[in-house]
PDB file of N, CA and C in Angstrom:
ATOM      1  N   UNK A   1     -83.312  25.015 152.407  1.00  0.00           N
ATOM      2  CA  UNK A   1     -83.462  25.342 153.802  1.00  0.00           C
ATOM      3  C   UNK A   1     -82.180  24.941 154.524  1.00  0.00           C
ATOM      4  N   UNK A   2     -81.532  25.890 155.128  1.00  0.00           N
ATOM      5  CA  UNK A   2     -80.324  25.590 155.874  1.00  0.00           C
ATOM      6  C   UNK A   2     -80.612  25.380 157.337  1.00  0.00           C
ATOM      7  N   UNK A   3     -79.569  24.981 158.047  1.00  0.00           N
ATOM      8  CA  UNK A   3     -79.706  24.790 159.482  1.00  0.00           C
ATOM      9  C   UNK A   3     -79.747  26.139 160.185  1.00  0.00           C
ATOM     10  N   UNK A   4     -80.312  26.140 161.373  1.00  0.00           N
ATOM     11  CA  UNK A   4     -80.392  27.344 162.186  1.00  0.00           C
ATOM     12  C   UNK A   4     -79.306  27.248 163.259  1.00  0.00           C
ATOM     13  N   UNK A   5     -78.484  28.269 163.346  1.00  0.00           N
ATOM     14  CA  UNK A   5     -77.372  28.297 164.285  1.00  0.00           C
ATOM     15  C   UNK A   5     -77.812  28.974 165.582  1.00  0.00           C
ATOM     16  N   UNK A   6     -77.782  28.221 166.682  1.00  0.00           N
ATOM     17  CA  UNK A   6     -78.105  28.765 167.999  1.00  0.00           C
ATOM     18  C   UNK A   6     -76.873  28.559 168.878  1.00  0.00           C
ATOM     19  N   UNK A   7     -76.054  29.599 168.968  1.00  0.00           N
ATOM     20  CA  UNK A   7     -74.828  29.577 169.761  1.00  0.00           C
ATOM     21  C   UNK A   7     -73.938  28.383 169.417  1.00  0.00           C
ATOM     22  N   UNK A   8     -73.743  28.143 168.142  1.00  0.00           N
ATOM     23  CA  UNK A   8     -72.868  27.070 167.695  1.00  0.00           C
ATOM     24  C   UNK A   8     -73.543  25.721 167.570  1.00  0.00           C
ATOM     25  N   UNK A   9     -74.793  25.617 167.935  1.00  0.00           N
ATOM     26  CA  UNK A   9     -75.544  24.377 167.807  1.00  0.00           C
ATOM     27  C   UNK A   9     -76.436  24.494 166.582  1.00  0.00           C
ATOM     28  N   UNK A  10     -76.171  23.665 165.592  1.00  0.00           N
ATOM     29  CA  UNK A  10     -76.931  23.727 164.352  1.00  0.00           C
ATOM     30  C   UNK A  10     -78.138  22.799 164.445  1.00  0.00           C
ATOM     31  N   UNK A  11     -79.322  23.390 164.307  1.00  0.00           N
ATOM     32  CA  UNK A  11     -80.577  22.642 164.418  1.00  0.00           C
ATOM     33  C   UNK A  11     -81.331  22.717 163.101  1.00  0.00           C
ATOM     34  N   UNK A  12     -81.939  21.617 162.705  1.00  0.00           N
ATOM     35  CA  UNK A  12     -82.775  21.672 161.500  1.00  0.00           C
ATOM     36  C   UNK A  12     -84.051  22.464 161.783  1.00  0.00           C
ATOM     37  N   UNK A  13     -84.525  23.211 160.803  1.00  0.00           N
ATOM     38  CA  UNK A  13     -85.740  24.008 161.014  1.00  0.00           C
ATOM     39  C   UNK A  13     -86.955  23.166 161.397  1.00  0.00           C
ATOM     40  N   UNK A  14     -87.014  21.929 160.893  1.00  0.00           N
ATOM     41  CA  UNK A  14     -88.168  21.081 161.223  1.00  0.00           C
ATOM     42  C   UNK A  14     -88.219  20.764 162.713  1.00  0.00           C
ATOM     43  N   UNK A  15     -87.064  20.624 163.357  1.00  0.00           N
ATOM     44  CA  UNK A  15     -87.045  20.361 164.795  1.00  0.00           C
ATOM     45  C   UNK A  15     -87.621  21.539 165.569  1.00  0.00           C
ATOM     46  N   UNK A  16     -87.241  22.726 165.188  1.00  0.00           N
ATOM     47  CA  UNK A  16     -87.756  23.921 165.861  1.00  0.00           C
ATOM     48  C   UNK A  16     -89.254  24.078 165.606  1.00  0.00           C
ATOM     49  N   UNK A  17     -89.672  23.805 164.364  1.00  0.00           N
ATOM     50  CA  UNK A  17     -91.105  23.877 164.066  1.00  0.00           C
ATOM     51  C   UNK A  17     -91.887  22.815 164.819  1.00  0.00           C
ATOM     52  N   UNK A  18     -91.308  21.620 165.007  1.00  0.00           N
ATOM     53  CA  UNK A  18     -91.990  20.542 165.724  1.00  0.00           C
ATOM     54  C   UNK A  18     -92.205  20.913 167.192  1.00  0.00           C
ATOM     55  N   UNK A  19     -91.202  21.528 167.805  1.00  0.00           N
ATOM     56  CA  UNK A  19     -91.334  21.941 169.203  1.00  0.00           C
ATOM     57  C   UNK A  19     -92.361  23.059 169.325  1.00  0.00           C
ATOM     58  N   UNK A  20     -92.316  24.009 168.403  1.00  0.00           N
ATOM     59  CA  UNK A  20     -93.291  25.102 168.418  1.00  0.00           C
ATOM     60  C   UNK A  20     -94.703  24.586 168.160  1.00  0.00           C
ATOM     61  N   UNK A  21     -94.845  23.619 167.245  1.00  0.00           N
ATOM     62  CA  UNK A  21     -96.163  23.029 166.965  1.00  0.00           C
ATOM     63  C   UNK A  21     -96.689  22.273 168.178  1.00  0.00           C
ATOM     64  N   UNK A  22     -95.793  21.612 168.913  1.00  0.00           N
ATOM     65  CA  UNK A  22     -96.227  20.908 170.115  1.00  0.00           C
ATOM     66  C   UNK A  22     -96.779  21.888 171.136  1.00  0.00           C
ATOM     67  N   UNK A  23     -96.091  23.024 171.324  1.00  0.00           N
ATOM     68  CA  UNK A  23     -96.542  24.014 172.290  1.00  0.00           C
ATOM     69  C   UNK A  23     -97.872  24.640 171.852  1.00  0.00           C
ATOM     70  N   UNK A  24     -97.992  24.970 170.580  1.00  0.00           N
ATOM     71  CA  UNK A  24     -99.237  25.566 170.087  1.00  0.00           C
ATOM     72  C   UNK A  24    -100.402  24.587 170.168  1.00  0.00           C
ATOM     73  N   UNK A  25    -100.156  23.333 169.827  1.00  0.00           N
ATOM     74  CA  UNK A  25    -101.246  22.357 169.899  1.00  0.00           C
ATOM     75  C   UNK A  25    -101.638  22.078 171.354  1.00  0.00           C
ATOM     76  N   UNK A  26    -100.676  22.161 172.273  1.00  0.00           N
ATOM     77  CA  UNK A  26    -101.015  22.000 173.698  1.00  0.00           C
ATOM     78  C   UNK A  26    -101.929  23.131 174.160  1.00  0.00           C
ATOM     79  N   UNK A  27    -101.652  24.345 173.710  1.00  0.00           N
ATOM     80  CA  UNK A  27    -102.534  25.466 174.051  1.00  0.00           C
ATOM     81  C   UNK A  27    -103.919  25.292 173.432  1.00  0.00           C
ATOM     82  N   UNK A  28    -103.965  24.831 172.196  1.00  0.00           N
ATOM     83  CA  UNK A  28    -105.256  24.595 171.541  1.00  0.00           C
ATOM     84  C   UNK A  28    -106.047  23.494 172.248  1.00  0.00           C
ATOM     85  N   UNK A  29    -105.358  22.418 172.642  1.00  0.00           N
ATOM     86  CA  UNK A  29    -106.038  21.333 173.351  1.00  0.00           C
ATOM     87  C   UNK A  29    -106.606  21.817 174.677  1.00  0.00           C
ATOM     88  N   UNK A  30    -105.827  22.642 175.380  1.00  0.00           N
ATOM     89  CA  UNK A  30    -106.301  23.180 176.654  1.00  0.00           C
ATOM     90  C   UNK A  30    -107.550  24.034 176.454  1.00  0.00           C
ATOM     91  N   UNK A  31    -107.543  24.835 175.402  1.00  0.00           N
ATOM     92  CA  UNK A  31    -108.709  25.660 175.104  1.00  0.00           C
ATOM     93  C   UNK A  31    -109.919  24.830 174.705  1.00  0.00           C
ATOM     94  N   UNK A  32    -109.689  23.785 173.935  1.00  0.00           N
ATOM     95  CA  UNK A  32    -110.801  22.919 173.536  1.00  0.00           C
ATOM     96  C   UNK A  32    -111.376  22.164 174.722  1.00  0.00           C
ATOM     97  N   UNK A  33    -110.513  21.730 175.636  1.00  0.00           N
ATOM     98  CA  UNK A  33    -111.013  21.049 176.835  1.00  0.00           C
ATOM     99  C   UNK A  33    -111.808  22.005 177.723  1.00  0.00           C
ATOM    100  N   UNK A  34    -111.347  23.248 177.806  1.00  0.00           N
ATOM    101  CA  UNK A  34    -112.031  24.234 178.655  1.00  0.00           C
ATOM    102  C   UNK A  34    -113.415  24.569 178.115  1.00  0.00           C
ATOM    103  N   UNK A  35    -113.569  24.537 176.794  1.00  0.00           N
ATOM    104  CA  UNK A  35    -114.869  24.850 176.212  1.00  0.00           C
ATOM    105  C   UNK A  35    -115.788  23.636 176.144  1.00  0.00           C
ATOM    106  N   UNK A  36    -115.271  22.459 176.449  1.00  0.00           N
ATOM    107  CA  UNK A  36    -116.091  21.254 176.420  1.00  0.00           C
ATOM    108  C   UNK A  36    -116.203  20.613 175.052  1.00  0.00           C
ATOM    109  N   UNK A  37    -115.347  20.996 174.116  1.00  0.00           N
ATOM    110  CA  UNK A  37    -115.412  20.439 172.763  1.00  0.00           C
ATOM    111  C   UNK A  37    -114.993  18.970 172.723  1.00  0.00           C
ATOM    112  N   UNK A  38    -114.235  18.529 173.710  1.00  0.00           N
ATOM    113  CA  UNK A  38    -113.793  17.134 173.711  1.00  0.00           C
ATOM    114  C   UNK A  38    -114.937  16.165 173.985  1.00  0.00           C
ATOM    115  N   UNK A  39    -116.062  16.651 174.435  1.00  0.00           N
ATOM    116  CA  UNK A  39    -117.225  15.789 174.613  1.00  0.00           C
ATOM    117  C   UNK A  39    -117.817  15.339 173.288  1.00  0.00           C
ATOM    118  N   UNK A  40    -117.541  16.065 172.210  1.00  0.00           N
ATOM    119  CA  UNK A  40    -118.043  15.732 170.881  1.00  0.00           C
ATOM    120  C   UNK A  40    -117.066  14.897 170.060  1.00  0.00           C
ATOM    121  N   UNK A  41    -115.864  14.684 170.588  1.00  0.00           N
ATOM    122  CA  UNK A  41    -114.811  13.989 169.830  1.00  0.00           C
ATOM    123  C   UNK A  41    -114.827  12.518 170.192  1.00  0.00           C
ATOM    124  N   UNK A  42    -114.825  11.688 169.155  1.00  0.00           N
ATOM    125  CA  UNK A  42    -114.945  10.253 169.364  1.00  0.00           C
ATOM    126  C   UNK A  42    -113.665   9.655 169.946  1.00  0.00           C
ATOM    127  N   UNK A  43    -112.491  10.034 169.422  1.00  0.00           N
ATOM    128  CA  UNK A  43    -111.219   9.447 169.825  1.00  0.00           C
ATOM    129  C   UNK A  43    -110.234  10.587 170.111  1.00  0.00           C
ATOM    130  N   UNK A  44    -110.185  11.091 171.355  1.00  0.00           N
ATOM    131  CA  UNK A  44    -109.356  12.256 171.663  1.00  0.00           C
ATOM    132  C   UNK A  44    -107.863  12.116 171.325  1.00  0.00           C
ATOM    133  N   UNK A  45    -107.198  10.954 171.577  1.00  0.00           N
ATOM    134  CA  UNK A  45    -105.781  10.880 171.201  1.00  0.00           C
ATOM    135  C   UNK A  45    -105.556  11.006 169.690  1.00  0.00           C
ATOM    136  N   UNK A  46    -106.450  10.441 168.904  1.00  0.00           N
ATOM    137  CA  UNK A  46    -106.331  10.558 167.453  1.00  0.00           C
ATOM    138  C   UNK A  46    -106.565  11.999 167.017  1.00  0.00           C
ATOM    139  N   UNK A  47    -107.503  12.662 167.654  1.00  0.00           N
ATOM    140  CA  UNK A  47    -107.756  14.070 167.369  1.00  0.00           C
ATOM    141  C   UNK A  47    -106.553  14.921 167.754  1.00  0.00           C
ATOM    142  N   UNK A  48    -105.934  14.625 168.893  1.00  0.00           N
ATOM    143  CA  UNK A  48    -104.754  15.367 169.322  1.00  0.00           C
ATOM    144  C   UNK A  48    -103.616  15.226 168.319  1.00  0.00           C
ATOM    145  N   UNK A  49    -103.409  14.022 167.817  1.00  0.00           N
ATOM    146  CA  UNK A  49    -102.363  13.791 166.822  1.00  0.00           C
ATOM    147  C   UNK A  49    -102.671  14.543 165.523  1.00  0.00           C
ATOM    148  N   UNK A  50    -103.918  14.502 165.088  1.00  0.00           N
ATOM    149  CA  UNK A  50    -104.305  15.216 163.867  1.00  0.00           C
ATOM    150  C   UNK A  50    -104.143  16.723 164.045  1.00  0.00           C
ATOM    151  N   UNK A  51    -104.481  17.230 165.217  1.00  0.00           N
ATOM    152  CA  UNK A  51    -104.309  18.654 165.496  1.00  0.00           C
ATOM    153  C   UNK A  51    -102.835  19.031 165.436  1.00  0.00           C
ATOM    154  N   UNK A  52    -101.968  18.198 166.005  1.00  0.00           N
ATOM    155  CA  UNK A  52    -100.517  18.447 165.963  1.00  0.00           C
ATOM    156  C   UNK A  52    -100.012  18.458 164.524  1.00  0.00           C
ATOM    157  N   UNK A  53    -100.442  17.499 163.728  1.00  0.00           N
ATOM    158  CA  UNK A  53     -99.997  17.432 162.330  1.00  0.00           C
ATOM    159  C   UNK A  53    -100.473  18.655 161.560  1.00  0.00           C
ATOM    160  N   UNK A  54    -101.688  19.100 161.804  1.00  0.00           N
ATOM    161  CA  UNK A  54    -102.193  20.298 161.132  1.00  0.00           C
ATOM    162  C   UNK A  54    -101.419  21.551 161.528  1.00  0.00           C
ATOM    163  N   UNK A  55    -101.117  21.683 162.794  1.00  0.00           N
ATOM    164  CA  UNK A  55    -100.360  22.852 163.251  1.00  0.00           C
ATOM    165  C   UNK A  55     -98.941  22.812 162.678  1.00  0.00           C
ATOM    166  N   UNK A  56     -98.310  21.635 162.688  1.00  0.00           N
ATOM    167  CA  UNK A  56     -96.960  21.499 162.142  1.00  0.00           C
ATOM    168  C   UNK A  56     -96.929  21.785 160.649  1.00  0.00           C
ATOM    169  N   UNK A  57     -97.905  21.293 159.912  1.00  0.00           N
ATOM    170  CA  UNK A  57     -97.925  21.562 158.472  1.00  0.00           C
ATOM    171  C   UNK A  57     -98.208  23.037 158.191  1.00  0.00           C
ATOM    172  N   UNK A  58     -99.009  23.672 159.022  1.00  0.00           N
ATOM    173  CA  UNK A  58     -99.244  25.106 158.868  1.00  0.00           C
ATOM    174  C   UNK A  58     -97.977  25.909 159.133  1.00  0.00           C
ATOM    175  N   UNK A  59     -97.229  25.532 160.151  1.00  0.00           N
ATOM    176  CA  UNK A  59     -95.964  26.215 160.423  1.00  0.00           C
ATOM    177  C   UNK A  59     -94.958  25.997 159.295  1.00  0.00           C
ATOM    178  N   UNK A  60     -94.926  24.792 158.753  1.00  0.00           N
ATOM    179  CA  UNK A  60     -94.013  24.511 157.649  1.00  0.00           C
ATOM    180  C   UNK A  60     -94.399  25.321 156.405  1.00  0.00           C
ATOM    181  N   UNK A  61     -95.682  25.478 156.173  1.00  0.00           N
ATOM    182  CA  UNK A  61     -96.132  26.290 155.031  1.00  0.00           C
ATOM    183  C   UNK A  61     -95.753  27.752 155.236  1.00  0.00           C
ATOM    184  N   UNK A  62     -95.922  28.253 156.456  1.00  0.00           N
ATOM    185  CA  UNK A  62     -95.514  29.629 156.746  1.00  0.00           C
ATOM    186  C   UNK A  62     -94.014  29.803 156.571  1.00  0.00           C
ATOM    187  N   UNK A  63     -93.244  28.814 157.020  1.00  0.00           N
ATOM    188  CA  UNK A  63     -91.791  28.881 156.898  1.00  0.00           C
ATOM    189  C   UNK A  63     -91.364  28.913 155.440  1.00  0.00           C
ATOM    190  N   UNK A  64     -92.014  28.104 154.615  1.00  0.00           N
ATOM    191  CA  UNK A  64     -91.649  28.069 153.194  1.00  0.00           C
ATOM    192  C   UNK A  64     -92.036  29.377 152.482  1.00  0.00           C
ATOM    193  N   UNK A  65     -93.089  30.037 152.954  1.00  0.00           N
ATOM    194  CA  UNK A  65     -93.471  31.308 152.369  1.00  0.00           C
ATOM    195  C   UNK A  65     -92.492  32.410 152.756  1.00  0.00           C
ATOM    196  N   UNK A  66     -91.904  32.318 153.959  1.00  0.00           N
ATOM    197  CA  UNK A  66     -90.989  33.352 154.416  1.00  0.00           C
ATOM    198  C   UNK A  66     -89.610  33.216 153.781  1.00  0.00           C
ATOM    199  N   UNK A  67     -89.208  32.005 153.425  1.00  0.00           N
ATOM    200  CA  UNK A  67     -87.861  31.851 152.872  1.00  0.00           C
ATOM    201  C   UNK A  67     -87.852  31.685 151.385  1.00  0.00           C
TER     202      UNK A  67
END
């Protein structure tokens, strides 16, 4: 896996995936809060972290399949 060049700024792919995973997990959290699913969750910050890790690992798996 090489670096990604954005106008002369070389970024590691994991950094880009981490930012994208943060945005996707924020959208998922907003949707879960709107549906009231957080009322069933015992420890919301721990759930949020686990959701972020799952989204990030899913993006990394997709990235490895594409390259």
